[in-house]
C-alpha atoms as a PDB file:
ATOM      1  CA  MET A   1     214.678   2.332 189.583  1.00  0.00           C
ATOM      2  CA  SER A   2     213.369  -1.700 190.436  1.00  0.00           C
ATOM      3  CA  ILE A   3     213.767  -4.535 188.195  1.00  0.00           C
ATOM      4  CA  GLU A   4     210.186  -4.374 187.673  1.00  0.00           C
ATOM      5  CA  GLN A   5     209.798  -0.769 186.482  1.00  0.00           C
ATOM      6  CA  PHE A   6     213.477  -1.388 184.072  1.00  0.00           C
ATOM      7  CA  GLU A   7     211.463  -4.094 182.084  1.00  0.00           C
ATOM      8  CA  ALA A   8     208.461  -2.244 181.812  1.00  0.00           C
ATOM      9  CA  ILE A   9     210.574   0.911 180.111  1.00  0.00           C
ATOM     10  CA  GLY A  10     212.503  -1.688 178.180  1.00  0.00           C
ATOM     11  CA  LEU A  11     209.578  -3.908 176.894  1.00  0.00           C
ATOM     12  CA  TRP A  12     208.073  -0.114 175.672  1.00  0.00           C
ATOM     13  CA  LEU A  13     210.818   1.346 174.653  1.00  0.00           C
ATOM     14  CA  GLY A  14     211.450  -2.397 172.277  1.00  0.00           C
ATOM     15  CA  LEU A  15     207.996  -2.832 171.211  1.00  0.00           C
ATOM     16  CA  GLY A  16     208.490   1.169 169.891  1.00  0.00           C
ATOM     17  CA  ALA A  17     210.842   0.454 167.818  1.00  0.00           C
ATOM     18  CA  LEU A  18     210.090  -2.689 166.455  1.00  0.00           C
ATOM     19  CA  TYR A  19     206.416  -0.835 165.742  1.00  0.00           C
ATOM     20  CA  PHE A  20     209.012   2.067 163.916  1.00  0.00           C
ATOM     21  CA  PHE A  21     210.910  -0.515 161.925  1.00  0.00           C
ATOM     22  CA  ILE A  22     207.668  -2.369 160.184  1.00  0.00           C
ATOM     23  CA  VAL A  23     205.918   1.702 159.772  1.00  0.00           C
ATOM     24  CA  LEU A  24     209.180   2.161 157.506  1.00  0.00           C
ATOM     25  CA  ALA A  25     209.705  -1.264 155.776  1.00  0.00           C
ATOM     26  CA  ILE A  26     205.765  -0.684 155.373  1.00  0.00           C
ATOM     27  CA  ARG A  27     206.299   2.866 153.908  1.00  0.00           C
ATOM     28  CA  ASP A  28     209.106   1.547 151.529  1.00  0.00           C
ATOM     29  CA  VAL A  29     206.807  -1.231 150.096  1.00  0.00           C
ATOM     30  CA  LEU A  30     203.888   1.417 148.794  1.00  0.00           C
ATOM     31  CA  LYS A  31     206.087   2.918 147.513  1.00  0.00           C
ATOM     32  CA  LYS A  32     208.307   0.652 145.556  1.00  0.00           C
ATOM     33  CA  SER A  33     204.560  -1.038 144.566  1.00  0.00           C
ATOM     34  CA  GLN A  34     203.197   2.335 143.020  1.00  0.00           C
ATOM     35  CA  ALA A  35     200.339   0.956 144.870  1.00  0.00           C
ATOM     36  CA  PRO A  36     196.962   3.414 144.556  1.00  0.00           C
ATOM     37  CA  LYS A  37     196.331   6.055 146.922  1.00  0.00           C
ATOM     38  CA  MET A  38     192.720   4.201 148.387  1.00  0.00           C
ATOM     39  CA  GLY A  39     194.925   1.380 149.434  1.00  0.00           C
ATOM     40  CA  GLN A  40     197.741   2.928 150.719  1.00  0.00           C
ATOM     41  CA  PHE A  41     195.080   4.783 153.078  1.00  0.00           C
ATOM     42  CA  PHE A  42     193.337   1.141 153.856  1.00  0.00           C
ATOM     43  CA  VAL A  43     197.174  -0.365 154.544  1.00  0.00           C
ATOM     44  CA  TRP A  44     198.114   2.682 156.874  1.00  0.00           C
ATOM     45  CA  LEU A  45     194.577   2.239 158.960  1.00  0.00           C
ATOM     46  CA  VAL A  46     194.918  -1.679 159.566  1.00  0.00           C
ATOM     47  CA  LEU A  47     198.396  -0.553 160.758  1.00  0.00           C
ATOM     48  CA  PHE A  48     197.634   2.180 163.110  1.00  0.00           C
ATOM     49  CA  LEU A  49     194.335   0.792 164.208  1.00  0.00           C
ATOM     50  CA  SER A  50     196.169  -2.468 165.288  1.00  0.00           C
ATOM     51  CA  PRO A  51     197.511  -1.622 168.416  1.00  0.00           C
ATOM     52  CA  LEU A  52     194.156  -1.015 170.065  1.00  0.00           C
END
């Protein structure tokens, strides 16, 4: 494995972990705020469309 491959894999794993923790944080905030279902839907929609 070359250093470039190692860096690329590390980058994607790091970004995936960061995205996972963002999802957990948003889920916790939505649960504690008791946001309406429609509002939650739009929050998740924006979150999952953001990487595109």
